[in-house]
Amino acid sequence: MLDNSDKTDLIESFYKNLEFGTGGLRGIMGAGSNRMNIYTVGMATQGFANYLKKNFTDRKNIAVVVCHDCRNNSRLFAETVANIFSANGIKVYLFDDMRPTPECSFAIRHLGCQAGVNVTASHNPKEYNGYKAYWEDGAQVLAPHDTGIIDEVNKVTVDDVKFAGNSNLIEMIGEDIDKVYLEKIKTICIDPAVIARQKDLKIVYTPLHGTGMTLIPRSLKLWGFENVHCVKEQMVKSGDFPTVVSPNPENGEALTLAIRDAKALDADIVMASDPDADRVGMACKNDKGEWILINGNQTCMIFLYYIITNRKAMGKMKKGDFIVKTIVTTEVIRKIAEKQSIELRDCYTGFKWIAHEIAISEGKQQYIGGGEESYGFLAQDFVRDKDAVSACSLLAEICAYAKDRGKTIYDLLMDIYLEYGFSKETTINVVKPGKSGADEIKQMMTNFRDNPPKELGGSKVVLLKDYQTLEQVDVTGNKTKLHMPTTSNVLQWFCEDETKVSVRPSGTEPKIKFYIEVKDNSMKKASEYDACVNRAEIKVEAIKKSLNL
């Protein structure tokens, strides 16, 4: 870099330290203080170890789980993490190879550990890697531990890092945890009889070169599905993700090979997990026989609709059972919960907040499912992060349930819209890089607070929620408190026609995000779906104009 006449790489790599945030580390791999390498990973781990030793002074033995995904350098970073923890006298359970993120969360609780680290950059491009920090409840760290760990990490220099591991304190784990985890996942099956009748359901699955290949086909088999086709080219472990532009199941391009196979096999469902197997994407055939993608809001809605409907039908619903969604996820789920008399809780974006809701009700009320618009779902409470292993298994059951009634997943989606009203959700990301971009995003939020919109796409705004002040104001100026565990820089506007718009700066990337939801209660038959979508898209464009986007 020093020898290169263009100093851009040098400056980008060293102009600041890679920041350890509330979710851990994430960055481009390479040399430099602003890159993911053994030194930045080492300093993060040393700071985490220091915090654990301060926080668990009453414990003779502190233990952690260390896990990793399929990315380049992930094994190296995981072994580096294990060595540093062990050099600090902390017992380490290190997975013998890549594993899904949710299994890391499960193992922390199962082994009675105080913390965990998962080396992963989820669905980011191949140049990236990351470091997720977990607490003893199996969830990503929340206050006060998040800021406590950050403070300790910020005190550490490279010279402070104890790189020389103690092999006596590192124990390899793998199949022993896999078996228990998969057996636990099998317990969430709601209707085994429908699976037995539809065991030949044609499933196409792709792990997108990632960790899902280790457990998702096994879980589907364990549930009783006998006709699972895995996309051969993408069952190859690779941090280069050679067959996709982006290893993200949210992007239709990532499912190209899976849909190719589905057409050849005349499959019933396509499902994909991202590289660390915490998110699930899917595709199905519509009423014209065309393969279409099901978005994250629809996925979450279908899961919760099925769980509620069939737990009731099977007599498995108990008093106090509750579901959770994030505040930016579709409000159709609220209508389902209200009609079915099930408690619904709204929480902030990020699965650590869904895990928080599970934790505060542990032993008092039963969590039965929750998710978010960004393709994450959790159908049980023995994991405290989004889980594509259990989600893919449950999705196959939902597909079997539909087929048992002569329907498809698409038909099921239409049934939901016909009963609870059509809704279209659109996310708009406005990217503003660099310091000037950060300042611009800050100013945009200030402007929205000082001058909130009175209409959105021609619809009158009747309620404003500000999660930074934890206040909501209705159209008459009446103010009431919002009850949330902490504040967050999020604004929401609700219109008289049920339009909902949420805006928040991204916590991990240089962008501001707008979540637009448009309702249409005029849909009376499934054949009107396309017309509803077209009207909603026109409305979204009008809302964008109102917001100057």
Protein backbone atom coordinates (compact mmCIF):
# COMPACT_ATOMS: atom_id res chain seq x y z
CA MET A 1 0.00 0.00 0.00
CA LEU A 2 2.87 2.36 0.84
CA ASP A 3 4.48 1.65 -2.52
CA ASN A 4 1.26 2.28 -4.46
CA SER A 5 1.07 5.81 -5.94
CA ASP A 6 -2.68 5.79 -5.26
CA LYS A 7 -2.93 6.05 -1.45
CA THR A 8 -6.71 5.42 -1.29
CA ASP A 9 -6.31 1.85 0.04
CA LEU A 10 -3.79 2.97 2.65
CA ILE A 11 -6.02 5.79 3.88
CA GLU A 12 -9.20 3.67 3.94
CA SER A 13 -7.41 0.87 5.81
CA PHE A 14 -5.81 3.01 8.51
CA TYR A 15 -7.69 6.33 8.84
CA LYS A 16 -9.67 5.04 11.84
CA ASN A 17 -10.11 1.98 14.04
CA LEU A 18 -12.75 -0.58 13.01
CA GLU A 19 -15.48 0.27 15.47
CA PHE A 20 -16.75 -2.34 17.92
CA GLY A 21 -20.46 -1.50 18.06
CA THR A 22 -23.47 -2.90 19.92
CA GLY A 23 -23.56 -5.87 17.51
CA GLY A 24 -19.79 -6.48 17.46
CA LEU A 25 -17.53 -5.95 14.44
CA ARG A 26 -18.19 -5.94 10.72
CA GLY A 27 -15.84 -4.80 7.97
CA ILE A 28 -13.77 -5.55 4.90
CA MET A 29 -10.95 -8.07 5.45
CA GLY A 30 -7.37 -6.88 5.03
CA ALA A 31 -4.43 -5.16 6.68
CA GLY A 32 -5.12 -2.04 8.71
CA SER A 33 -6.80 -0.75 11.85
CA ASN A 34 -10.05 -0.24 9.90
CA ARG A 35 -10.12 -3.81 8.55
CA MET A 36 -11.08 -7.28 9.79
CA ASN A 37 -7.83 -9.12 10.63
CA ILE A 38 -6.38 -11.10 13.53
CA TYR A 39 -5.34 -7.87 15.29
CA THR A 40 -8.72 -6.11 15.22
CA VAL A 41 -10.44 -9.43 16.07
CA GLY A 42 -7.80 -9.94 18.78
CA MET A 43 -8.38 -6.56 20.43
CA ALA A 44 -12.16 -7.10 20.38
CA THR A 45 -11.75 -10.51 22.03
CA GLN A 46 -9.30 -9.26 24.66
CA GLY A 47 -11.70 -6.47 25.60
CA PHE A 48 -14.61 -8.95 25.71
CA ALA A 49 -12.54 -11.31 27.92
CA ASN A 50 -11.68 -8.42 30.27
CA TYR A 51 -15.36 -7.50 30.57
CA LEU A 52 -16.41 -11.12 31.27
CA LYS A 53 -13.82 -11.41 34.05
CA LYS A 54 -15.04 -8.15 35.60
CA ASN A 55 -18.68 -9.11 35.28
CA PHE A 56 -18.47 -12.72 36.54
CA THR A 57 -16.15 -12.28 39.53
CA ASP A 58 -18.33 -14.70 41.50
CA ARG A 59 -17.68 -17.56 39.06
CA LYS A 60 -14.66 -19.80 39.37
CA ASN A 61 -14.96 -20.86 35.73
CA ILE A 62 -16.18 -18.69 32.85
CA ALA A 63 -17.07 -20.44 29.58
CA VAL A 64 -17.80 -19.26 26.04
CA VAL A 65 -18.89 -20.78 22.73
CA VAL A 66 -17.01 -19.87 19.54
CA CYS A 67 -18.60 -20.51 16.16
CA HIS A 68 -17.98 -19.41 12.55
CA ASP A 69 -19.46 -19.38 9.05
CA CYS A 70 -18.13 -20.31 5.58
CA ARG A 71 -16.32 -17.06 4.81
CA ASN A 72 -12.67 -16.72 3.91
CA ASN A 73 -10.62 -16.39 7.13
CA SER A 74 -13.57 -17.32 9.35
CA ARG A 75 -11.81 -20.41 10.72
CA LEU A 76 -8.61 -18.44 11.31
CA PHE A 77 -10.52 -15.72 13.16
CA ALA A 78 -12.49 -18.28 15.21
CA GLU A 79 -9.29 -20.06 16.28
CA THR A 80 -7.73 -16.67 17.12
CA VAL A 81 -10.76 -15.86 19.30
CA ALA A 82 -10.56 -19.28 21.02
CA ASN A 83 -6.84 -18.87 21.71
CA ILE A 84 -7.28 -15.41 23.25
CA PHE A 85 -10.17 -16.43 25.50
CA SER A 86 -8.26 -19.51 26.67
CA ALA A 87 -5.09 -17.44 27.25
CA ASN A 88 -7.22 -15.34 29.62
CA GLY A 89 -8.26 -18.42 31.60
CA ILE A 90 -11.69 -18.74 29.99
CA LYS A 91 -13.02 -22.15 28.94
CA VAL A 92 -13.83 -22.31 25.20
CA TYR A 93 -16.22 -24.62 23.35
CA LEU A 94 -15.06 -24.29 19.73
CA PHE A 95 -17.13 -25.79 16.91
CA ASP A 96 -15.09 -28.17 14.76
CA ASP A 97 -16.28 -26.55 11.50
CA MET A 98 -18.76 -23.97 10.23
CA ARG A 99 -22.21 -23.96 11.84
CA PRO A 100 -25.40 -21.86 11.55
CA THR A 101 -25.65 -18.74 13.71
CA PRO A 102 -28.71 -20.08 15.60
CA GLU A 103 -26.75 -23.16 16.70
CA CYS A 104 -24.22 -20.84 18.33
CA SER A 105 -27.06 -19.21 20.29
CA PHE A 106 -28.45 -22.65 21.21
CA ALA A 107 -25.06 -23.99 22.36
CA ILE A 108 -24.48 -21.06 24.75
CA ARG A 109 -27.67 -21.91 26.65
CA HIS A 110 -27.29 -25.69 26.29
CA LEU A 111 -23.73 -25.69 27.69
CA GLY A 112 -24.46 -23.09 30.38
CA CYS A 113 -21.92 -20.60 29.03
CA GLN A 114 -21.61 -16.95 29.96
CA ALA A 115 -21.05 -15.65 26.41
CA GLY A 116 -20.35 -16.54 22.81
CA VAL A 117 -18.75 -15.24 19.64
CA ASN A 118 -19.82 -16.04 16.12
CA VAL A 119 -17.45 -15.07 13.30
CA THR A 120 -19.77 -14.12 10.44
CA ALA A 121 -20.74 -11.23 8.17
CA SER A 122 -24.15 -12.77 7.50
CA HIS A 123 -25.23 -11.97 3.91
CA ASN A 124 -22.68 -9.21 3.21
CA PRO A 125 -20.46 -9.38 0.08
CA LYS A 126 -17.48 -11.79 0.07
CA GLU A 127 -14.94 -9.06 1.00
CA TYR A 128 -16.52 -8.76 4.45
CA ASN A 129 -16.32 -10.63 7.70
CA GLY A 130 -17.71 -9.93 11.13
CA TYR A 131 -17.84 -10.75 14.82
CA LYS A 132 -21.12 -11.13 16.72
CA ALA A 133 -21.02 -10.99 20.52
CA TYR A 134 -23.58 -13.00 22.53
CA TRP A 135 -24.48 -13.01 26.22
CA GLU A 136 -25.35 -15.93 28.51
CA ASP A 137 -29.04 -15.87 27.48
CA GLY A 138 -27.98 -16.78 23.93
CA ALA A 139 -28.99 -13.35 22.56
CA GLN A 140 -26.78 -10.66 21.09
CA VAL A 141 -25.69 -8.31 23.86
CA LEU A 142 -28.04 -5.59 25.11
CA ALA A 143 -27.59 -2.76 27.63
CA PRO A 144 -25.75 -2.46 29.93
CA HIS A 145 -23.40 -5.16 28.61
CA ASP A 146 -23.17 -3.76 25.06
CA THR A 147 -21.68 -0.43 26.17
CA GLY A 148 -19.68 -2.16 28.92
CA ILE A 149 -17.95 -4.41 26.39
CA ILE A 150 -17.38 -1.49 24.00
CA ASP A 151 -15.69 0.49 26.80
CA GLU A 152 -13.34 -2.43 27.56
CA VAL A 153 -12.55 -3.03 23.87
CA ASN A 154 -11.69 0.65 23.41
CA LYS A 155 -9.08 0.42 26.18
CA VAL A 156 -7.16 -2.42 24.49
CA THR A 157 -4.08 -2.01 22.27
CA VAL A 158 -2.49 -4.76 20.15
CA ASP A 159 0.24 -5.15 22.77
CA ASP A 160 -2.39 -6.09 25.39
CA VAL A 161 -3.73 -9.06 23.41
CA LYS A 162 -2.84 -12.52 24.72
CA PHE A 163 -2.58 -14.47 21.46
CA ALA A 164 -0.89 -17.61 22.87
CA GLY A 165 -3.77 -20.00 23.60
CA ASN A 166 -4.10 -22.62 26.33
CA SER A 167 -5.12 -25.83 24.56
CA ASN A 168 -6.23 -27.36 27.86
CA LEU A 169 -9.08 -24.86 27.97
CA ILE A 170 -10.30 -25.38 24.37
CA GLU A 171 -12.81 -28.19 23.77
CA MET A 172 -14.03 -29.11 20.29
CA ILE A 173 -17.78 -29.55 19.84
CA GLY A 174 -19.87 -30.52 16.83
CA GLU A 175 -22.08 -33.53 16.21
CA ASP A 176 -22.91 -33.81 19.92
CA ILE A 177 -24.56 -30.36 19.79
CA ASP A 178 -26.01 -30.91 16.29
CA LYS A 179 -28.04 -33.92 17.47
CA VAL A 180 -29.57 -32.19 20.49
CA TYR A 181 -30.30 -29.02 18.50
CA LEU A 182 -32.01 -30.92 15.66
CA GLU A 183 -34.09 -32.97 18.12
CA LYS A 184 -35.20 -29.74 19.82
CA ILE A 185 -36.16 -28.24 16.45
CA LYS A 186 -38.29 -31.30 15.71
CA THR A 187 -40.40 -30.51 18.79
CA ILE A 188 -41.82 -27.36 17.16
CA CYS A 189 -43.60 -29.42 14.48
CA ILE A 190 -47.30 -28.59 14.91
CA ASP A 191 -48.97 -31.24 12.72
CA PRO A 192 -46.83 -34.40 12.11
CA ALA A 193 -49.79 -36.14 10.43
CA VAL A 194 -49.92 -33.64 7.58
CA ILE A 195 -46.19 -34.20 6.95
CA ALA A 196 -46.73 -37.97 6.90
CA ARG A 197 -49.42 -37.50 4.23
CA GLN A 198 -47.27 -35.11 2.19
CA LYS A 199 -43.81 -36.61 2.78
CA ASP A 200 -43.15 -36.54 -1.00
CA LEU A 201 -43.54 -32.76 -1.13
CA LYS A 202 -41.00 -31.56 -3.70
CA ILE A 203 -38.60 -29.15 -1.96
CA VAL A 204 -35.67 -27.35 -3.60
CA TYR A 205 -33.18 -25.95 -1.09
CA THR A 206 -29.99 -23.89 -1.44
CA PRO A 207 -27.57 -22.86 1.33
CA LEU A 208 -25.88 -20.31 -1.00
CA HIS A 209 -22.50 -21.96 -0.24
CA GLY A 210 -23.01 -21.44 3.49
CA THR A 211 -23.63 -23.09 6.83
CA GLY A 212 -27.20 -24.18 6.10
CA MET A 213 -25.85 -27.20 4.19
CA THR A 214 -24.66 -28.71 7.49
CA LEU A 215 -28.09 -29.00 9.13
CA ILE A 216 -31.09 -27.88 7.05
CA PRO A 217 -31.28 -30.97 4.78
CA ARG A 218 -30.85 -33.14 7.91
CA SER A 219 -33.63 -31.29 9.73
CA LEU A 220 -36.04 -31.63 6.79
CA LYS A 221 -35.32 -35.37 6.68
CA LEU A 222 -35.80 -35.66 10.45
CA TRP A 223 -39.21 -33.99 10.13
CA GLY A 224 -40.18 -36.66 7.56
CA PHE A 225 -39.67 -34.93 4.21
CA GLU A 226 -38.27 -37.46 1.74
CA ASN A 227 -38.04 -35.47 -1.49
CA VAL A 228 -35.54 -32.68 -0.79
CA HIS A 229 -33.39 -31.54 -3.72
CA CYS A 230 -30.32 -29.45 -2.82
CA VAL A 231 -28.86 -27.17 -5.50
CA LYS A 232 -25.65 -29.04 -6.30
CA GLU A 233 -23.49 -26.04 -7.35
CA GLN A 234 -24.39 -24.19 -4.13
CA MET A 235 -23.81 -27.14 -1.76
CA VAL A 236 -20.11 -26.28 -2.13
CA LYS A 237 -18.65 -24.51 0.90
CA SER A 238 -17.05 -21.29 -0.35
CA GLY A 239 -16.39 -17.83 1.02
CA ASP A 240 -16.11 -16.61 -2.57
CA PHE A 241 -19.82 -17.35 -3.24
CA PRO A 242 -18.95 -18.18 -6.89
CA THR A 243 -22.48 -18.75 -8.23
CA VAL A 244 -24.15 -15.54 -6.98
CA VAL A 245 -23.59 -11.80 -7.26
CA SER A 246 -24.71 -11.43 -3.62
CA PRO A 247 -25.28 -14.30 -1.13
CA ASN A 248 -28.51 -12.73 0.10
CA PRO A 249 -31.82 -14.64 -0.17
CA GLU A 250 -33.62 -11.26 -0.22
CA ASN A 251 -32.24 -10.75 -3.75
CA GLY A 252 -34.04 -12.68 -6.47
CA GLU A 253 -30.77 -13.24 -8.33
CA ALA A 254 -29.48 -15.48 -5.49
CA LEU A 255 -32.36 -17.91 -6.13
CA THR A 256 -31.75 -18.22 -9.90
CA LEU A 257 -30.23 -21.73 -9.77
CA ALA A 258 -32.79 -22.95 -7.24
CA ILE A 259 -35.67 -21.77 -9.44
CA ARG A 260 -33.97 -23.41 -12.46
CA ASP A 261 -34.02 -26.73 -10.57
CA ALA A 262 -37.56 -26.14 -9.31
CA LYS A 263 -38.83 -25.71 -12.87
CA ALA A 264 -37.07 -28.89 -13.98
CA LEU A 265 -38.50 -30.87 -11.06
CA ASP A 266 -41.92 -29.14 -10.96
CA ALA A 267 -41.21 -28.47 -7.29
CA ASP A 268 -43.70 -27.26 -4.69
CA ILE A 269 -41.41 -24.79 -2.90
CA VAL A 270 -37.98 -23.16 -3.15
CA MET A 271 -36.19 -22.18 0.04
CA ALA A 272 -32.80 -20.58 0.63
CA SER A 273 -30.75 -19.68 3.69
CA ASP A 274 -28.10 -16.97 3.81
CA PRO A 275 -24.42 -17.89 4.50
CA ASP A 276 -24.83 -18.05 8.31
CA ALA A 277 -28.29 -19.67 8.05
CA ASP A 278 -30.26 -17.24 10.16
CA ARG A 279 -32.42 -15.78 7.34
CA VAL A 280 -34.75 -17.70 5.06
CA GLY A 281 -35.93 -16.68 1.59
CA MET A 282 -38.51 -18.49 -0.50
CA ALA A 283 -40.18 -18.69 -3.87
CA CYS A 284 -43.36 -20.42 -5.01
CA LYS A 285 -45.63 -20.66 -8.04
CA ASN A 286 -48.41 -18.11 -8.43
CA ASP A 287 -51.87 -18.73 -9.90
CA LYS A 288 -50.39 -18.53 -13.43
CA GLY A 289 -47.71 -21.16 -12.66
CA GLU A 290 -44.91 -18.55 -12.63
CA TRP A 291 -42.22 -18.70 -9.95
CA ILE A 292 -42.36 -15.60 -7.75
CA LEU A 293 -40.46 -14.46 -4.67
CA ILE A 294 -42.22 -14.15 -1.31
CA ASN A 295 -40.89 -11.09 0.51
CA GLY A 296 -39.83 -10.84 4.16
CA ASN A 297 -43.09 -9.29 5.39
CA GLN A 298 -45.15 -11.95 3.62
CA THR A 299 -42.88 -14.70 4.99
CA CYS A 300 -43.29 -13.49 8.58
CA MET A 301 -47.05 -13.13 8.08
CA ILE A 302 -47.45 -16.65 6.65
CA PHE A 303 -45.44 -18.18 9.52
CA LEU A 304 -47.45 -16.42 12.24
CA TYR A 305 -50.79 -17.07 10.52
CA TYR A 306 -49.99 -20.79 10.32
CA ILE A 307 -48.66 -21.03 13.89
CA ILE A 308 -51.73 -19.32 15.36
CA THR A 309 -54.31 -21.09 13.16
CA ASN A 310 -52.89 -24.58 13.59
CA ARG A 311 -51.86 -24.39 17.24
CA LYS A 312 -55.53 -23.53 17.84
CA ALA A 313 -56.78 -26.32 15.58
CA MET A 314 -54.49 -28.88 17.28
CA GLY A 315 -55.44 -27.70 20.78
CA LYS A 316 -51.87 -26.56 21.47
CA MET A 317 -52.61 -22.88 22.17
CA LYS A 318 -52.35 -21.85 25.82
CA LYS A 319 -53.50 -18.77 27.68
CA GLY A 320 -50.78 -16.12 27.64
CA ASP A 321 -49.10 -17.32 24.43
CA PHE A 322 -47.68 -14.35 22.55
CA ILE A 323 -46.05 -13.37 19.26
CA VAL A 324 -43.58 -10.58 18.42
CA LYS A 325 -42.89 -8.45 15.36
CA THR A 326 -40.66 -5.43 14.83
CA ILE A 327 -42.24 -1.97 14.54
CA VAL A 328 -41.36 -1.75 10.82
CA THR A 329 -42.95 -5.12 9.96
CA THR A 330 -46.41 -5.37 8.33
CA GLU A 331 -49.47 -4.38 10.37
CA VAL A 332 -51.49 -7.22 8.82
CA ILE A 333 -49.94 -9.39 11.56
CA ARG A 334 -51.66 -7.12 14.12
CA LYS A 335 -55.02 -7.76 12.44
CA ILE A 336 -54.41 -11.53 12.56
CA ALA A 337 -53.47 -11.36 16.27
CA GLU A 338 -56.48 -9.18 17.15
CA LYS A 339 -58.97 -11.41 15.35
CA GLN A 340 -57.44 -14.56 16.88
CA SER A 341 -57.16 -12.95 20.37
CA ILE A 342 -53.40 -13.52 20.59
CA GLU A 343 -51.10 -11.03 22.30
CA LEU A 344 -48.82 -9.23 19.81
CA ARG A 345 -45.79 -7.26 20.93
CA ASP A 346 -43.96 -4.67 18.85
CA CYS A 347 -40.23 -4.27 19.35
CA TYR A 348 -37.32 -2.43 17.75
CA THR A 349 -35.56 -3.70 14.62
CA GLY A 350 -33.06 -6.48 15.37
CA PHE A 351 -33.55 -9.94 16.82
CA LYS A 352 -31.94 -9.04 20.13
CA TRP A 353 -35.16 -7.14 20.87
CA ILE A 354 -37.33 -10.18 20.07
CA ALA A 355 -35.01 -12.16 22.38
CA HIS A 356 -35.55 -9.46 25.04
CA GLU A 357 -39.33 -9.98 24.87
CA ILE A 358 -38.84 -13.74 25.31
CA ALA A 359 -36.53 -13.16 28.28
CA ILE A 360 -38.80 -10.77 30.20
CA SER A 361 -41.70 -13.26 30.01
CA GLU A 362 -39.70 -16.42 30.65
CA GLY A 363 -41.53 -18.73 33.03
CA LYS A 364 -44.68 -16.57 32.86
CA GLN A 365 -45.83 -16.56 29.23
CA GLN A 366 -44.95 -18.71 26.23
CA TYR A 367 -43.43 -17.18 23.09
CA ILE A 368 -44.73 -19.01 20.01
CA GLY A 369 -43.15 -17.08 17.14
CA GLY A 370 -41.76 -13.79 15.94
CA GLY A 371 -40.05 -12.17 13.01
CA GLU A 372 -39.05 -9.12 11.05
CA GLU A 373 -39.37 -7.80 7.52
CA SER A 374 -35.72 -8.60 6.71
CA TYR A 375 -36.35 -12.37 6.30
CA GLY A 376 -35.64 -13.38 9.90
CA PHE A 377 -37.98 -15.67 11.85
CA LEU A 378 -37.79 -17.58 15.14
CA ALA A 379 -40.39 -20.24 15.87
CA GLN A 380 -39.17 -21.32 19.33
CA ASP A 381 -37.43 -19.99 22.45
CA PHE A 382 -34.47 -22.37 22.90
CA VAL A 383 -32.62 -20.20 20.38
CA ARG A 384 -32.45 -16.43 20.91
CA ASP A 385 -31.59 -15.28 17.39
CA LYS A 386 -33.27 -15.69 14.03
CA ASP A 387 -33.12 -19.30 12.88
CA ALA A 388 -33.32 -20.55 9.29
CA VAL A 389 -32.88 -24.21 10.36
CA SER A 390 -36.19 -24.29 12.25
CA ALA A 391 -37.80 -21.81 9.82
CA CYS A 392 -37.07 -23.99 6.76
CA SER A 393 -38.47 -27.04 8.57
CA LEU A 394 -41.63 -25.20 9.59
CA LEU A 395 -41.96 -23.69 6.11
CA ALA A 396 -41.95 -27.19 4.64
CA GLU A 397 -44.73 -28.14 7.08
CA ILE A 398 -46.77 -25.08 6.02
CA CYS A 399 -46.33 -26.07 2.38
CA ALA A 400 -47.43 -29.63 3.21
CA TYR A 401 -50.50 -28.24 5.05
CA ALA A 402 -51.42 -26.15 1.99
CA LYS A 403 -50.90 -29.06 -0.43
CA ASP A 404 -53.00 -31.32 1.81
CA ARG A 405 -55.85 -28.89 1.12
CA GLY A 406 -55.15 -28.73 -2.62
CA LYS A 407 -53.46 -25.36 -2.25
CA THR A 408 -50.03 -23.75 -2.63
CA ILE A 409 -48.15 -21.26 -0.44
CA TYR A 410 -49.36 -18.58 -2.88
CA ASP A 411 -52.99 -19.63 -2.28
CA LEU A 412 -52.37 -19.43 1.46
CA LEU A 413 -51.00 -15.89 1.04
CA MET A 414 -54.13 -14.93 -0.94
CA ASP A 415 -56.34 -16.44 1.82
CA ILE A 416 -54.61 -14.20 4.37
CA TYR A 417 -55.06 -11.07 2.24
CA LEU A 418 -58.73 -11.87 1.57
CA GLU A 419 -59.44 -12.32 5.29
CA TYR A 420 -57.27 -9.53 6.72
CA GLY A 421 -56.82 -7.05 3.85
CA PHE A 422 -54.11 -6.57 1.22
CA SER A 423 -50.90 -4.80 2.14
CA LYS A 424 -47.78 -3.90 0.17
CA GLU A 425 -44.51 -3.08 1.90
CA THR A 426 -41.58 -1.29 0.26
CA THR A 427 -38.18 -0.47 1.78
CA ILE A 428 -36.19 2.42 0.34
CA ASN A 429 -32.52 2.82 1.24
CA VAL A 430 -31.01 6.27 0.70
CA VAL A 431 -27.21 5.85 0.80
CA LYS A 432 -25.17 8.81 2.13
CA PRO A 433 -21.49 7.75 2.50
CA GLY A 434 -18.75 9.43 4.54
CA LYS A 435 -18.85 12.06 7.27
CA SER A 436 -20.80 14.50 5.07
CA GLY A 437 -23.35 11.74 4.49
CA ALA A 438 -23.68 11.07 8.22
CA ASP A 439 -24.26 14.79 8.80
CA GLU A 440 -26.86 14.82 6.02
CA ILE A 441 -28.74 11.85 7.53
CA LYS A 442 -28.72 13.55 10.94
CA GLN A 443 -30.14 16.73 9.37
CA MET A 444 -32.85 14.75 7.54
CA MET A 445 -34.05 13.27 10.86
CA THR A 446 -33.99 16.75 12.47
CA ASN A 447 -36.04 18.18 9.58
CA PHE A 448 -38.61 15.38 9.84
CA ARG A 449 -38.96 16.06 13.57
CA ASP A 450 -39.24 19.83 13.14
CA ASN A 451 -41.57 19.65 10.14
CA PRO A 452 -43.42 16.31 10.14
CA PRO A 453 -45.45 15.56 7.00
CA LYS A 454 -49.17 16.35 7.21
CA GLU A 455 -49.94 14.06 4.28
CA LEU A 456 -48.25 11.13 2.57
CA GLY A 457 -49.18 10.44 -1.04
CA GLY A 458 -52.48 12.27 -0.52
CA SER A 459 -53.33 10.45 2.72
CA LYS A 460 -53.78 12.55 5.88
CA VAL A 461 -51.32 11.76 8.70
CA VAL A 462 -53.31 11.14 11.92
CA LEU A 463 -50.62 9.77 14.27
CA LEU A 464 -46.91 10.40 14.73
CA LYS A 465 -44.63 8.18 16.85
CA ASP A 466 -41.17 9.36 17.89
CA TYR A 467 -39.14 6.61 19.54
CA GLN A 468 -36.37 9.07 20.48
CA THR A 469 -38.70 11.00 22.79
CA LEU A 470 -40.96 7.95 23.38
CA GLU A 471 -44.00 10.09 22.60
CA GLN A 472 -46.86 9.76 20.16
CA VAL A 473 -49.01 12.65 18.99
CA ASP A 474 -52.42 12.25 17.35
CA VAL A 475 -54.12 14.54 14.85
CA THR A 476 -55.71 16.60 17.65
CA GLY A 477 -52.32 17.26 19.26
CA ASN A 478 -52.97 14.84 22.13
CA LYS A 479 -49.65 13.39 23.42
CA THR A 480 -49.20 9.95 25.04
CA LYS A 481 -46.17 7.91 26.10
CA LEU A 482 -44.70 5.02 24.11
CA HIS A 483 -43.69 2.10 26.31
CA MET A 484 -40.39 0.71 25.02
CA PRO A 485 -37.30 -0.63 26.86
CA THR A 486 -35.13 2.27 25.63
CA THR A 487 -35.13 5.10 23.10
CA SER A 488 -34.30 4.70 19.40
CA ASN A 489 -33.84 7.13 16.53
CA VAL A 490 -37.00 6.08 14.66
CA LEU A 491 -39.99 8.10 13.41
CA GLN A 492 -43.31 6.66 12.28
CA TRP A 493 -46.32 8.26 10.61
CA PHE A 494 -49.73 6.61 10.37
CA CYS A 495 -52.41 7.83 7.96
CA GLU A 496 -56.21 7.65 8.08
CA ASP A 497 -56.21 5.01 5.29
CA GLU A 498 -53.78 2.78 7.31
CA THR A 499 -50.71 3.83 5.33
CA LYS A 500 -47.64 3.50 7.60
CA VAL A 501 -44.22 5.04 7.00
CA SER A 502 -41.21 4.45 9.26
CA VAL A 503 -37.83 6.15 8.93
CA ARG A 504 -34.56 5.39 10.71
CA PRO A 505 -30.82 5.71 10.08
CA SER A 506 -29.15 2.30 9.61
CA GLY A 507 -27.09 1.20 12.58
CA THR A 508 -24.49 -0.62 10.46
CA GLU A 509 -24.33 1.14 7.07
CA PRO A 510 -24.16 4.76 5.79
CA LYS A 511 -27.82 5.00 4.85
CA ILE A 512 -31.24 6.14 5.99
CA LYS A 513 -34.08 3.62 5.59
CA PHE A 514 -37.73 4.29 4.76
CA TYR A 515 -40.28 1.52 5.31
CA ILE A 516 -43.55 2.17 3.48
CA GLU A 517 -46.71 0.09 4.01
CA VAL A 518 -49.80 0.68 1.87
CA LYS A 519 -53.12 -1.01 2.67
CA ASP A 520 -55.99 -1.88 0.32
CA ASN A 521 -59.12 -3.45 1.78
CA SER A 522 -60.95 -3.68 -1.57
CA MET A 523 -59.53 -7.11 -2.53
CA LYS A 524 -62.50 -9.52 -2.76
CA LYS A 525 -60.97 -12.38 -4.74
CA ALA A 526 -57.45 -13.69 -5.43
CA SER A 527 -57.59 -12.62 -9.09
CA GLU A 528 -57.60 -8.96 -7.92
CA TYR A 529 -54.16 -9.31 -6.28
CA ASP A 530 -52.17 -7.94 -9.25
CA ALA A 531 -54.46 -4.89 -9.51
CA CYS A 532 -53.95 -4.22 -5.78
CA VAL A 533 -50.17 -4.44 -6.25
CA ASN A 534 -50.31 -1.98 -9.17
CA ARG A 535 -52.40 0.53 -7.21
CA ALA A 536 -50.07 0.19 -4.22
CA GLU A 537 -47.00 0.84 -6.37
CA ILE A 538 -48.56 4.08 -7.65
CA LYS A 539 -49.30 5.06 -4.04
CA VAL A 540 -45.69 4.31 -3.00
CA GLU A 541 -44.42 6.64 -5.74
CA ALA A 542 -46.74 9.39 -4.47
CA ILE A 543 -45.45 8.87 -0.90
CA LYS A 544 -41.85 9.11 -2.14
CA LYS A 545 -42.72 12.48 -3.69
CA SER A 546 -44.24 13.67 -0.40
CA LEU A 547 -40.95 12.77 1.33
CA ASN A 548 -38.77 14.25 -1.47
CA LEU A 549 -37.15 10.87 -2.12
